[in-house]
Each structure stands twice: as C-alpha cells, then as structure tokens.
PDB file of all heavy atoms in Angstrom:
ATOM      1  N   THR A   1      40.155 -73.736 177.238  1.00  0.00           N
ATOM      2  CA  THR A   1      38.949 -73.259 177.908  1.00  0.00           C
ATOM      3  C   THR A   1      39.077 -73.259 179.420  1.00  0.00           C
ATOM      4  O   THR A   1      38.097 -73.111 180.117  1.00  0.00           O
ATOM      5  CB  THR A   1      37.741 -74.111 177.505  1.00  0.00           C
ATOM      6  OG1 THR A   1      38.005 -75.468 177.847  1.00  0.00           O
ATOM      7  CG2 THR A   1      37.450 -73.988 176.030  1.00  0.00           C
ATOM      8  N   MET A   2      40.266 -73.410 179.944  1.00  0.00           N
ATOM      9  CA  MET A   2      40.449 -73.458 181.389  1.00  0.00           C
ATOM     10  C   MET A   2      40.550 -72.052 181.961  1.00  0.00           C
ATOM     11  O   MET A   2      41.066 -71.156 181.335  1.00  0.00           O
ATOM     12  CB  MET A   2      41.727 -74.196 181.751  1.00  0.00           C
ATOM     13  CG  MET A   2      41.744 -75.592 181.222  1.00  0.00           C
ATOM     14  SD  MET A   2      40.345 -76.460 181.811  1.00  0.00           S
ATOM     15  CE  MET A   2      41.155 -77.815 182.500  1.00  0.00           C
ATOM     16  N   ASN A   3      40.046 -71.897 183.157  1.00  0.00           N
ATOM     17  CA  ASN A   3      40.247 -70.654 183.882  1.00  0.00           C
ATOM     18  C   ASN A   3      40.237 -70.957 185.365  1.00  0.00           C
ATOM     19  O   ASN A   3      39.852 -72.031 185.782  1.00  0.00           O
ATOM     20  CB  ASN A   3      39.188 -69.608 183.518  1.00  0.00           C
ATOM     21  CG  ASN A   3      37.787 -70.016 183.913  1.00  0.00           C
ATOM     22  OD1 ASN A   3      37.582 -71.016 184.591  1.00  0.00           O
ATOM     23  ND2 ASN A   3      36.809 -69.258 183.495  1.00  0.00           N
ATOM     24  N   LYS A   4      40.690 -70.027 186.153  1.00  0.00           N
ATOM     25  CA  LYS A   4      40.666 -70.193 187.604  1.00  0.00           C
ATOM     26  C   LYS A   4      39.598 -69.279 188.159  1.00  0.00           C
ATOM     27  O   LYS A   4      39.555 -68.104 187.852  1.00  0.00           O
ATOM     28  CB  LYS A   4      42.016 -69.851 188.225  1.00  0.00           C
ATOM     29  CG  LYS A   4      42.969 -70.982 188.237  1.00  0.00           C
ATOM     30  CD  LYS A   4      44.087 -70.716 189.201  1.00  0.00           C
ATOM     31  CE  LYS A   4      44.769 -72.039 189.442  1.00  0.00           C
ATOM     32  NZ  LYS A   4      45.648 -72.034 190.538  1.00  0.00           N
ATOM     33  N   VAL A   5      38.732 -69.854 188.966  1.00  0.00           N
ATOM     34  CA  VAL A   5      37.675 -69.087 189.607  1.00  0.00           C
ATOM     35  C   VAL A   5      37.804 -69.332 191.098  1.00  0.00           C
ATOM     36  O   VAL A   5      37.645 -70.452 191.560  1.00  0.00           O
ATOM     37  CB  VAL A   5      36.293 -69.550 189.104  1.00  0.00           C
ATOM     38  CG1 VAL A   5      35.193 -68.786 189.805  1.00  0.00           C
ATOM     39  CG2 VAL A   5      36.194 -69.394 187.601  1.00  0.00           C
ATOM     40  N   ASN A   6      38.116 -68.296 191.824  1.00  0.00           N
ATOM     41  CA  ASN A   6      38.283 -68.424 193.277  1.00  0.00           C
ATOM     42  C   ASN A   6      39.206 -69.590 193.635  1.00  0.00           C
ATOM     43  O   ASN A   6      38.911 -70.392 194.506  1.00  0.00           O
ATOM     44  CB  ASN A   6      36.924 -68.604 193.959  1.00  0.00           C
ATOM     45  CG  ASN A   6      36.045 -67.396 193.760  1.00  0.00           C
ATOM     46  OD1 ASN A   6      36.533 -66.290 193.649  1.00  0.00           O
ATOM     47  ND2 ASN A   6      34.751 -67.618 193.707  1.00  0.00           N
ATOM     48  N   THR A   7      40.292 -69.718 192.932  1.00  0.00           N
ATOM     49  CA  THR A   7      41.309 -70.751 193.099  1.00  0.00           C
ATOM     50  C   THR A   7      40.788 -72.163 192.843  1.00  0.00           C
ATOM     51  O   THR A   7      41.445 -73.135 193.175  1.00  0.00           O
ATOM     52  CB  THR A   7      41.996 -70.694 194.493  1.00  0.00           C
ATOM     53  OG1 THR A   7      41.063 -71.077 195.494  1.00  0.00           O
ATOM     54  CG2 THR A   7      42.574 -69.333 194.766  1.00  0.00           C
ATOM     55  N   VAL A   8      39.615 -72.304 192.277  1.00  0.00           N
ATOM     56  CA  VAL A   8      39.091 -73.611 191.887  1.00  0.00           C
ATOM     57  C   VAL A   8      39.073 -73.640 190.366  1.00  0.00           C
ATOM     58  O   VAL A   8      38.410 -72.834 189.727  1.00  0.00           O
ATOM     59  CB  VAL A   8      37.659 -73.835 192.444  1.00  0.00           C
ATOM     60  CG1 VAL A   8      37.094 -75.134 191.922  1.00  0.00           C
ATOM     61  CG2 VAL A   8      37.673 -73.817 193.955  1.00  0.00           C
ATOM     62  N   GLU A   9      39.830 -74.574 189.800  1.00  0.00           N
ATOM     63  CA  GLU A   9      39.890 -74.652 188.349  1.00  0.00           C
ATOM     64  C   GLU A   9      38.639 -75.327 187.800  1.00  0.00           C
ATOM     65  O   GLU A   9      38.175 -76.330 188.324  1.00  0.00           O
ATOM     66  CB  GLU A   9      41.120 -75.430 187.905  1.00  0.00           C
ATOM     67  CG  GLU A   9      42.406 -74.674 188.107  1.00  0.00           C
ATOM     68  CD  GLU A   9      43.578 -75.435 187.562  1.00  0.00           C
ATOM     69  OE1 GLU A   9      44.126 -76.244 188.310  1.00  0.00           O
ATOM     70  OE2 GLU A   9      43.913 -75.216 186.388  1.00  0.00           O
ATOM     71  N   LYS A  10      38.109 -74.739 186.733  1.00  0.00           N
ATOM     72  CA  LYS A  10      36.940 -75.261 186.040  1.00  0.00           C
ATOM     73  C   LYS A  10      37.162 -75.115 184.546  1.00  0.00           C
ATOM     74  O   LYS A  10      38.019 -74.361 184.108  1.00  0.00           O
ATOM     75  CB  LYS A  10      35.683 -74.463 186.404  1.00  0.00           C
ATOM     76  CG  LYS A  10      35.254 -74.557 187.835  1.00  0.00           C
ATOM     77  CD  LYS A  10      33.972 -73.770 188.033  1.00  0.00           C
ATOM     78  CE  LYS A  10      33.494 -73.877 189.461  1.00  0.00           C
ATOM     79  NZ  LYS A  10      32.170 -73.257 189.629  1.00  0.00           N
ATOM     80  N   VAL A  11      36.354 -75.809 183.788  1.00  0.00           N
ATOM     81  CA  VAL A  11      36.336 -75.630 182.347  1.00  0.00           C
ATOM     82  C   VAL A  11      35.299 -74.564 182.045  1.00  0.00           C
ATOM     83  O   VAL A  11      34.182 -74.602 182.556  1.00  0.00           O
ATOM     84  CB  VAL A  11      35.968 -76.948 181.633  1.00  0.00           C
ATOM     85  CG1 VAL A  11      35.873 -76.735 180.137  1.00  0.00           C
ATOM     86  CG2 VAL A  11      36.988 -78.029 181.949  1.00  0.00           C
ATOM     87  N   ASP A  12      35.667 -73.595 181.257  1.00  0.00           N
ATOM     88  CA  ASP A  12      34.758 -72.519 180.881  1.00  0.00           C
ATOM     89  C   ASP A  12      33.812 -73.029 179.794  1.00  0.00           C
ATOM     90  O   ASP A  12      34.218 -73.293 178.672  1.00  0.00           O
ATOM     91  CB  ASP A  12      35.566 -71.327 180.369  1.00  0.00           C
ATOM     92  CG  ASP A  12      34.703 -70.151 179.963  1.00  0.00           C
ATOM     93  OD1 ASP A  12      33.465 -70.205 180.172  1.00  0.00           O
ATOM     94  OD2 ASP A  12      35.257 -69.185 179.436  1.00  0.00           O
ATOM     95  N   LEU A  13      32.552 -73.170 180.150  1.00  0.00           N
ATOM     96  CA  LEU A  13      31.548 -73.675 179.214  1.00  0.00           C
ATOM     97  C   LEU A  13      30.696 -72.551 178.629  1.00  0.00           C
ATOM     98  O   LEU A  13      29.664 -72.814 178.009  1.00  0.00           O
ATOM     99  CB  LEU A  13      30.649 -74.699 179.915  1.00  0.00           C
ATOM    100  CG  LEU A  13      31.334 -75.940 180.476  1.00  0.00           C
ATOM    101  CD1 LEU A  13      30.326 -76.829 181.182  1.00  0.00           C
ATOM    102  CD2 LEU A  13      32.067 -76.706 179.386  1.00  0.00           C
ATOM    103  N   SER A  14      31.118 -71.321 178.794  1.00  0.00           N
ATOM    104  CA  SER A  14      30.303 -70.184 178.360  1.00  0.00           C
ATOM    105  C   SER A  14      30.108 -70.127 176.842  1.00  0.00           C
ATOM    106  O   SER A  14      29.168 -69.500 176.371  1.00  0.00           O
ATOM    107  CB  SER A  14      30.902 -68.865 178.862  1.00  0.00           C
ATOM    108  OG  SER A  14      32.179 -68.657 178.304  1.00  0.00           O
ATOM    109  N   ASN A  15      30.953 -70.778 176.079  1.00  0.00           N
ATOM    110  CA  ASN A  15      30.809 -70.781 174.619  1.00  0.00           C
ATOM    111  C   ASN A  15      29.860 -71.861 174.121  1.00  0.00           C
ATOM    112  O   ASN A  15      29.646 -71.978 172.917  1.00  0.00           O
ATOM    113  CB  ASN A  15      32.173 -70.951 173.946  1.00  0.00           C
ATOM    114  CG  ASN A  15      33.053 -69.748 174.158  1.00  0.00           C
ATOM    115  OD1 ASN A  15      32.578 -68.626 174.233  1.00  0.00           O
ATOM    116  ND2 ASN A  15      34.348 -69.972 174.273  1.00  0.00           N
ATOM    117  N   TYR A  16      29.315 -72.660 175.036  1.00  0.00           N
ATOM    118  CA  TYR A  16      28.408 -73.736 174.661  1.00  0.00           C
ATOM    119  C   TYR A  16      26.964 -73.308 174.900  1.00  0.00           C
ATOM    120  O   TYR A  16      26.670 -72.548 175.819  1.00  0.00           O
ATOM    121  CB  TYR A  16      28.713 -75.000 175.469  1.00  0.00           C
ATOM    122  CG  TYR A  16      30.046 -75.606 175.120  1.00  0.00           C
ATOM    123  CD1 TYR A  16      31.202 -75.265 175.828  1.00  0.00           C
ATOM    124  CD2 TYR A  16      30.163 -76.512 174.083  1.00  0.00           C
ATOM    125  CE1 TYR A  16      32.426 -75.813 175.502  1.00  0.00           C
ATOM    126  CE2 TYR A  16      31.387 -77.069 173.749  1.00  0.00           C
ATOM    127  CZ  TYR A  16      32.514 -76.713 174.466  1.00  0.00           C
ATOM    128  OH  TYR A  16      33.718 -77.258 174.136  1.00  0.00           O
ATOM    129  N   THR A  17      26.066 -73.829 174.078  1.00  0.00           N
ATOM    130  CA  THR A  17      24.640 -73.561 174.268  1.00  0.00           C
ATOM    131  C   THR A  17      24.143 -74.339 175.477  1.00  0.00           C
ATOM    132  O   THR A  17      24.815 -75.269 175.955  1.00  0.00           O
ATOM    133  CB  THR A  17      23.825 -73.987 173.036  1.00  0.00           C
ATOM    134  OG1 THR A  17      23.895 -75.418 172.914  1.00  0.00           O
ATOM    135  CG2 THR A  17      24.327 -73.307 171.768  1.00  0.00           C
ATOM    136  N   LEU A  18      22.945 -73.993 175.947  1.00  0.00           N
ATOM    137  CA  LEU A  18      22.353 -74.718 177.073  1.00  0.00           C
ATOM    138  C   LEU A  18      22.207 -76.194 176.732  1.00  0.00           C
ATOM    139  O   LEU A  18      22.517 -77.058 177.556  1.00  0.00           O
ATOM    140  CB  LEU A  18      20.996 -74.112 177.447  1.00  0.00           C
ATOM    141  CG  LEU A  18      20.248 -74.808 178.589  1.00  0.00           C
ATOM    142  CD1 LEU A  18      21.072 -74.791 179.867  1.00  0.00           C
ATOM    143  CD2 LEU A  18      18.893 -74.156 178.804  1.00  0.00           C
ATOM    144  N   LYS A  19      21.766 -76.497 175.533  1.00  0.00           N
ATOM    145  CA  LYS A  19      21.600 -77.896 175.117  1.00  0.00           C
ATOM    146  C   LYS A  19      22.944 -78.639 175.123  1.00  0.00           C
ATOM    147  O   LYS A  19      23.027 -79.784 175.565  1.00  0.00           O
ATOM    148  CB  LYS A  19      20.960 -77.951 173.731  1.00  0.00           C
ATOM    149  CG  LYS A  19      20.597 -79.330 173.275  1.00  0.00           C
ATOM    150  CD  LYS A  19      19.854 -79.308 171.955  1.00  0.00           C
ATOM    151  CE  LYS A  19      19.515 -80.728 171.540  1.00  0.00           C
ATOM    152  NZ  LYS A  19      18.711 -80.760 170.324  1.00  0.00           N
ATOM    153  N   GLN A  20      23.984 -77.984 174.662  1.00  0.00           N
ATOM    154  CA  GLN A  20      25.313 -78.594 174.666  1.00  0.00           C
ATOM    155  C   GLN A  20      25.812 -78.813 176.096  1.00  0.00           C
ATOM    156  O   GLN A  20      26.407 -79.845 176.394  1.00  0.00           O
ATOM    157  CB  GLN A  20      26.303 -77.737 173.887  1.00  0.00           C
ATOM    158  CG  GLN A  20      26.085 -77.746 172.393  1.00  0.00           C
ATOM    159  CD  GLN A  20      26.974 -76.750 171.681  1.00  0.00           C
ATOM    160  OE1 GLN A  20      27.171 -75.623 172.157  1.00  0.00           O
ATOM    161  NE2 GLN A  20      27.499 -77.146 170.535  1.00  0.00           N
ATOM    162  N   LYS A  21      25.567 -77.840 176.968  1.00  0.00           N
ATOM    163  CA  LYS A  21      25.970 -77.993 178.369  1.00  0.00           C
ATOM    164  C   LYS A  21      25.245 -79.159 179.017  1.00  0.00           C
ATOM    165  O   LYS A  21      25.845 -79.923 179.777  1.00  0.00           O
ATOM    166  CB  LYS A  21      25.689 -76.707 179.149  1.00  0.00           C
ATOM    167  CG  LYS A  21      26.591 -75.555 178.786  1.00  0.00           C
ATOM    168  CD  LYS A  21      26.176 -74.298 179.539  1.00  0.00           C
ATOM    169  CE  LYS A  21      26.911 -73.080 179.055  1.00  0.00           C
ATOM    170  NZ  LYS A  21      26.481 -71.851 179.714  1.00  0.00           N
ATOM    171  N   GLN A  22      23.962 -79.305 178.719  1.00  0.00           N
ATOM    172  CA  GLN A  22      23.201 -80.425 179.272  1.00  0.00           C
ATOM    173  C   GLN A  22      23.730 -81.747 178.739  1.00  0.00           C
ATOM    174  O   GLN A  22      23.844 -82.726 179.477  1.00  0.00           O
ATOM    175  CB  GLN A  22      21.712 -80.267 178.936  1.00  0.00           C
ATOM    176  CG  GLN A  22      21.064 -79.121 179.677  1.00  0.00           C
ATOM    177  CD  GLN A  22      19.677 -78.786 179.158  1.00  0.00           C
ATOM    178  OE1 GLN A  22      19.322 -79.071 178.017  1.00  0.00           O
ATOM    179  NE2 GLN A  22      18.879 -78.168 180.020  1.00  0.00           N
ATOM    180  N   SER A  23      24.078 -81.786 177.475  1.00  0.00           N
ATOM    181  CA  SER A  23      24.655 -82.992 176.882  1.00  0.00           C
ATOM    182  C   SER A  23      26.004 -83.319 177.516  1.00  0.00           C
ATOM    183  O   SER A  23      26.294 -84.483 177.824  1.00  0.00           O
ATOM    184  CB  SER A  23      24.803 -82.812 175.371  1.00  0.00           C
ATOM    185  OG  SER A  23      25.331 -83.972 174.776  1.00  0.00           O
ATOM    186  N   LEU A  24      26.830 -82.292 177.738  1.00  0.00           N
ATOM    187  CA  LEU A  24      28.122 -82.506 178.395  1.00  0.00           C
ATOM    188  C   LEU A  24      27.928 -83.026 179.822  1.00  0.00           C
ATOM    189  O   LEU A  24      28.668 -83.903 180.277  1.00  0.00           O
ATOM    190  CB  LEU A  24      28.949 -81.221 178.412  1.00  0.00           C
ATOM    191  CG  LEU A  24      29.542 -80.798 177.075  1.00  0.00           C
ATOM    192  CD1 LEU A  24      30.149 -79.403 177.173  1.00  0.00           C
ATOM    193  CD2 LEU A  24      30.580 -81.805 176.604  1.00  0.00           C
ATOM    194  N   GLN A  25      26.927 -82.507 180.520  1.00  0.00           N
ATOM    195  CA  GLN A  25      26.636 -82.968 181.886  1.00  0.00           C
ATOM    196  C   GLN A  25      26.264 -84.445 181.874  1.00  0.00           C
ATOM    197  O   GLN A  25      26.754 -85.235 182.682  1.00  0.00           O
ATOM    198  CB  GLN A  25      25.496 -82.136 182.497  1.00  0.00           C
ATOM    199  CG  GLN A  25      25.080 -82.582 183.885  1.00  0.00           C
ATOM    200  CD  GLN A  25      26.104 -82.273 184.958  1.00  0.00           C
ATOM    201  OE1 GLN A  25      26.700 -81.218 184.956  1.00  0.00           O
ATOM    202  NE2 GLN A  25      26.309 -83.198 185.872  1.00  0.00           N
ATOM    203  N   LYS A  26      25.398 -84.842 180.936  1.00  0.00           N
ATOM    204  CA  LYS A  26      24.999 -86.253 180.836  1.00  0.00           C
ATOM    205  C   LYS A  26      26.192 -87.120 180.455  1.00  0.00           C
ATOM    206  O   LYS A  26      26.358 -88.227 180.971  1.00  0.00           O
ATOM    207  CB  LYS A  26      23.866 -86.413 179.829  1.00  0.00           C
ATOM    208  CG  LYS A  26      22.565 -85.804 180.297  1.00  0.00           C
ATOM    209  CD  LYS A  26      21.508 -85.873 179.211  1.00  0.00           C
ATOM    210  CE  LYS A  26      20.258 -85.123 179.619  1.00  0.00           C
ATOM    211  NZ  LYS A  26      19.291 -85.064 178.501  1.00  0.00           N
ATOM    212  N   GLY A  27      27.020 -86.626 179.545  1.00  0.00           N
ATOM    213  CA  GLY A  27      28.227 -87.354 179.166  1.00  0.00           C
ATOM    214  C   GLY A  27      29.193 -87.483 180.327  1.00  0.00           C
ATOM    215  O   GLY A  27      29.834 -88.529 180.507  1.00  0.00           O
ATOM    216  N   TYR A  28      29.294 -86.437 181.127  1.00  0.00           N
ATOM    217  CA  TYR A  28      30.134 -86.476 182.328  1.00  0.00           C
ATOM    218  C   TYR A  28      29.644 -87.560 183.285  1.00  0.00           C
ATOM    219  O   TYR A  28      30.446 -88.309 183.852  1.00  0.00           O
ATOM    220  CB  TYR A  28      30.116 -85.103 183.009  1.00  0.00           C
ATOM    221  CG  TYR A  28      30.678 -85.100 184.409  1.00  0.00           C
ATOM    222  CD1 TYR A  28      32.047 -85.161 184.623  1.00  0.00           C
ATOM    223  CD2 TYR A  28      29.837 -85.043 185.521  1.00  0.00           C
ATOM    224  CE1 TYR A  28      32.573 -85.161 185.909  1.00  0.00           C
ATOM    225  CE2 TYR A  28      30.349 -85.040 186.799  1.00  0.00           C
ATOM    226  CZ  TYR A  28      31.718 -85.099 186.992  1.00  0.00           C
ATOM    227  OH  TYR A  28      32.227 -85.107 188.270  1.00  0.00           O
ATOM    228  N   GLU A  29      28.347 -87.670 183.451  1.00  0.00           N
ATOM    229  CA  GLU A  29      27.793 -88.704 184.336  1.00  0.00           C
ATOM    230  C   GLU A  29      28.106 -90.105 183.819  1.00  0.00           C
ATOM    231  O   GLU A  29      28.417 -91.011 184.596  1.00  0.00           O
ATOM    232  CB  GLU A  29      26.282 -88.490 184.498  1.00  0.00           C
ATOM    233  CG  GLU A  29      25.987 -87.218 185.293  1.00  0.00           C
ATOM    234  CD  GLU A  29      24.546 -86.746 185.202  1.00  0.00           C
ATOM    235  OE1 GLU A  29      23.697 -87.457 184.614  1.00  0.00           O
ATOM    236  OE2 GLU A  29      24.259 -85.639 185.721  1.00  0.00           O
ATOM    237  N   ILE A  30      28.069 -90.286 182.503  1.00  0.00           N
ATOM    238  CA  ILE A  30      28.460 -91.571 181.911  1.00  0.00           C
ATOM    239  C   ILE A  30      29.942 -91.807 182.152  1.00  0.00           C
ATOM    240  O   ILE A  30      30.364 -92.914 182.500  1.00  0.00           O
ATOM    241  CB  ILE A  30      28.119 -91.606 180.408  1.00  0.00           C
ATOM    242  CG1 ILE A  30      26.603 -91.543 180.212  1.00  0.00           C
ATOM    243  CG2 ILE A  30      28.710 -92.846 179.742  1.00  0.00           C
ATOM    244  CD1 ILE A  30      26.164 -91.297 178.777  1.00  0.00           C
ATOM    245  N   TRP A  31      30.756 -90.767 181.982  1.00  0.00           N
ATOM    246  CA  TRP A  31      32.200 -90.882 182.215  1.00  0.00           C
ATOM    247  C   TRP A  31      32.473 -91.308 183.657  1.00  0.00           C
ATOM    248  O   TRP A  31      33.301 -92.184 183.906  1.00  0.00           O
ATOM    249  CB  TRP A  31      32.884 -89.552 181.908  1.00  0.00           C
ATOM    250  CG  TRP A  31      34.345 -89.518 182.228  1.00  0.00           C
ATOM    251  CD1 TRP A  31      35.351 -90.105 181.517  1.00  0.00           C
ATOM    252  CD2 TRP A  31      34.960 -88.871 183.344  1.00  0.00           C
ATOM    253  NE1 TRP A  31      36.568 -89.843 182.135  1.00  0.00           N
ATOM    254  CE2 TRP A  31      36.342 -89.094 183.254  1.00  0.00           C
ATOM    255  CE3 TRP A  31      34.463 -88.114 184.411  1.00  0.00           C
ATOM    256  CZ2 TRP A  31      37.239 -88.595 184.179  1.00  0.00           C
ATOM    257  CZ3 TRP A  31      35.362 -87.618 185.322  1.00  0.00           C
ATOM    258  CH2 TRP A  31      36.732 -87.861 185.210  1.00  0.00           C
ATOM    259  N   CYS A  32      31.753 -90.687 184.605  1.00  0.00           N
ATOM    260  CA  CYS A  32      31.939 -91.038 186.016  1.00  0.00           C
ATOM    261  C   CYS A  32      31.629 -92.510 186.244  1.00  0.00           C
ATOM    262  O   CYS A  32      32.386 -93.222 186.902  1.00  0.00           O
ATOM    263  CB  CYS A  32      31.055 -90.178 186.917  1.00  0.00           C
ATOM    264  SG  CYS A  32      31.635 -88.480 187.090  1.00  0.00           S
ATOM    265  N   SER A  33      30.528 -92.976 185.712  1.00  0.00           N
ATOM    266  CA  SER A  33      30.143 -94.375 185.896  1.00  0.00           C
ATOM    267  C   SER A  33      31.084 -95.313 185.147  1.00  0.00           C
ATOM    268  O   SER A  33      31.512 -96.328 185.674  1.00  0.00           O
ATOM    269  CB  SER A  33      28.720 -94.613 185.387  1.00  0.00           C
ATOM    270  OG  SER A  33      27.799 -93.926 186.170  1.00  0.00           O
ATOM    271  N   GLY A  34      31.383 -94.956 183.908  1.00  0.00           N
ATOM    272  CA  GLY A  34      32.166 -95.850 183.072  1.00  0.00           C
ATOM    273  C   GLY A  34      33.640 -95.864 183.372  1.00  0.00           C
ATOM    274  O   GLY A  34      34.251 -96.921 183.482  1.00  0.00           O
TER     275      GLY A  34
END
C-alpha cells in the first residue's frame, strides 16, 4: 500500500473506510505513546 506523493512516502489508506481510518489514527496515537 505504499506510494510516493510529492517525494514524501505515505501509506495509501484509500481502500479503508472512514471508520477504519479513524481507528488506524487512534491506533497510531497509541503506537506513538507506547
């Protein structure tokens, strides 16, 4: 799911629903803290 956008690499989340993206965002915040 990786792609390059303006030379900044990101994970392409376009295949995820809004609810899944929000869950991933919250999980990312836990990952950052943990």
